[in-house]
Amino acid sequence: MSANVGTVDRVIRIVLGLAILSLLFILEGNLKYLGLIGLIPFITGLVKFCPLYSLFKINTCQRK
């Protein structure tokens, strides 16, 4: 599993993931659990790997 998420893409994923996760604390009732969807961009940003990117042969990392 090699990294396929670049730096800018990674920062955007982490910030967006945290914003969506905050819905757990903002919304009430069962609707608040939609905030768990924020785990997907957050985790893919942390591990620098996106399974969908590898499926579609996308790589936002800088080439060495």
C-alpha atoms as a PDB file:
ATOM      1  CA  MET A   1       0.000   0.000   0.000  1.00  0.00           C
ATOM      2  CA  SER A   2       1.833   3.072  -1.236  1.00  0.00           C
ATOM      3  CA  ALA A   3       0.773   6.652  -0.584  1.00  0.00           C
ATOM      4  CA  ASN A   4      -1.459   8.181  -3.234  1.00  0.00           C
ATOM      5  CA  VAL A   5      -2.771  11.268  -1.396  1.00  0.00           C
ATOM      6  CA  GLY A   6      -0.691  14.438  -1.712  1.00  0.00           C
ATOM      7  CA  THR A   7      -0.083  17.137   0.880  1.00  0.00           C
ATOM      8  CA  VAL A   8      -2.780  19.614  -0.166  1.00  0.00           C
ATOM      9  CA  ASP A   9      -5.297  16.823  -0.697  1.00  0.00           C
ATOM     10  CA  ARG A  10      -4.370  15.415   2.703  1.00  0.00           C
ATOM     11  CA  VAL A  11      -4.928  18.712   4.548  1.00  0.00           C
ATOM     12  CA  ILE A  12      -8.290  19.201   2.833  1.00  0.00           C
ATOM     13  CA  ARG A  13      -9.363  15.667   3.769  1.00  0.00           C
ATOM     14  CA  ILE A  14      -8.390  16.078   7.419  1.00  0.00           C
ATOM     15  CA  VAL A  15     -10.109  19.459   7.809  1.00  0.00           C
ATOM     16  CA  LEU A  16     -13.236  18.295   5.989  1.00  0.00           C
ATOM     17  CA  GLY A  17     -13.307  15.077   8.015  1.00  0.00           C
ATOM     18  CA  LEU A  18     -13.099  16.980  11.288  1.00  0.00           C
ATOM     19  CA  ALA A  19     -15.830  19.372  10.149  1.00  0.00           C
ATOM     20  CA  ILE A  20     -18.159  16.491   9.318  1.00  0.00           C
ATOM     21  CA  LEU A  21     -17.272  14.707  12.572  1.00  0.00           C
ATOM     22  CA  SER A  22     -18.308  17.814  14.481  1.00  0.00           C
ATOM     23  CA  LEU A  23     -21.884  17.065  13.413  1.00  0.00           C
ATOM     24  CA  LEU A  24     -21.873  14.411  16.142  1.00  0.00           C
ATOM     25  CA  PHE A  25     -21.892  17.218  18.700  1.00  0.00           C
ATOM     26  CA  ILE A  26     -24.050  19.723  16.820  1.00  0.00           C
ATOM     27  CA  LEU A  27     -27.012  17.684  15.574  1.00  0.00           C
ATOM     28  CA  GLU A  28     -29.518  15.961  17.818  1.00  0.00           C
ATOM     29  CA  GLY A  29     -31.303  12.645  17.611  1.00  0.00           C
ATOM     30  CA  ASN A  30     -30.331   9.891  15.222  1.00  0.00           C
ATOM     31  CA  LEU A  31     -29.329  12.443  12.592  1.00  0.00           C
ATOM     32  CA  LYS A  32     -26.109  13.167  14.488  1.00  0.00           C
ATOM     33  CA  TYR A  33     -24.689   9.775  13.500  1.00  0.00           C
ATOM     34  CA  LEU A  34     -24.300  11.066   9.944  1.00  0.00           C
ATOM     35  CA  GLY A  35     -21.221  12.764  11.348  1.00  0.00           C
ATOM     36  CA  LEU A  36     -19.489   9.385  11.424  1.00  0.00           C
ATOM     37  CA  ILE A  37     -19.135   9.684   7.650  1.00  0.00           C
ATOM     38  CA  GLY A  38     -16.380  12.186   8.462  1.00  0.00           C
ATOM     39  CA  LEU A  39     -14.178   9.287   9.565  1.00  0.00           C
ATOM     40  CA  ILE A  40     -13.623   8.298   5.938  1.00  0.00           C
ATOM     41  CA  PRO A  41     -11.874  11.477   4.732  1.00  0.00           C
ATOM     42  CA  PHE A  42     -10.167  11.917   8.106  1.00  0.00           C
ATOM     43  CA  ILE A  43      -8.601   8.439   8.137  1.00  0.00           C
ATOM     44  CA  THR A  44      -7.638   8.518   4.452  1.00  0.00           C
ATOM     45  CA  GLY A  45      -5.933  11.847   5.099  1.00  0.00           C
ATOM     46  CA  LEU A  46      -4.005  10.455   8.054  1.00  0.00           C
ATOM     47  CA  VAL A  47      -2.796   7.285   6.335  1.00  0.00           C
ATOM     48  CA  LYS A  48      -2.093   9.005   2.968  1.00  0.00           C
ATOM     49  CA  PHE A  49      -3.932   6.267   1.076  1.00  0.00           C
ATOM     50  CA  CYS A  50      -7.324   6.334  -0.625  1.00  0.00           C
ATOM     51  CA  PRO A  51      -8.700   3.029  -1.960  1.00  0.00           C
ATOM     52  CA  LEU A  52     -10.837   4.831  -4.546  1.00  0.00           C
ATOM     53  CA  TYR A  53      -7.782   6.664  -5.867  1.00  0.00           C
ATOM     54  CA  SER A  54      -6.004   3.364  -6.435  1.00  0.00           C
ATOM     55  CA  LEU A  55      -9.085   1.915  -8.117  1.00  0.00           C
ATOM     56  CA  PHE A  56      -9.210   4.808 -10.614  1.00  0.00           C
ATOM     57  CA  LYS A  57      -5.385   5.107 -10.884  1.00  0.00           C
ATOM     58  CA  ILE A  58      -5.285   8.622  -9.377  1.00  0.00           C
ATOM     59  CA  ASN A  59      -2.207   9.842  -7.534  1.00  0.00           C
ATOM     60  CA  THR A  60      -1.926  13.349  -6.064  1.00  0.00           C
ATOM     61  CA  CYS A  61       1.508  12.800  -4.519  1.00  0.00           C
ATOM     62  CA  GLN A  62       4.464  14.627  -5.997  1.00  0.00           C
ATOM     63  CA  ARG A  63       6.594  12.447  -8.203  1.00  0.00           C
ATOM     64  CA  LYS A  64      10.150  11.812  -7.009  1.00  0.00           C
END
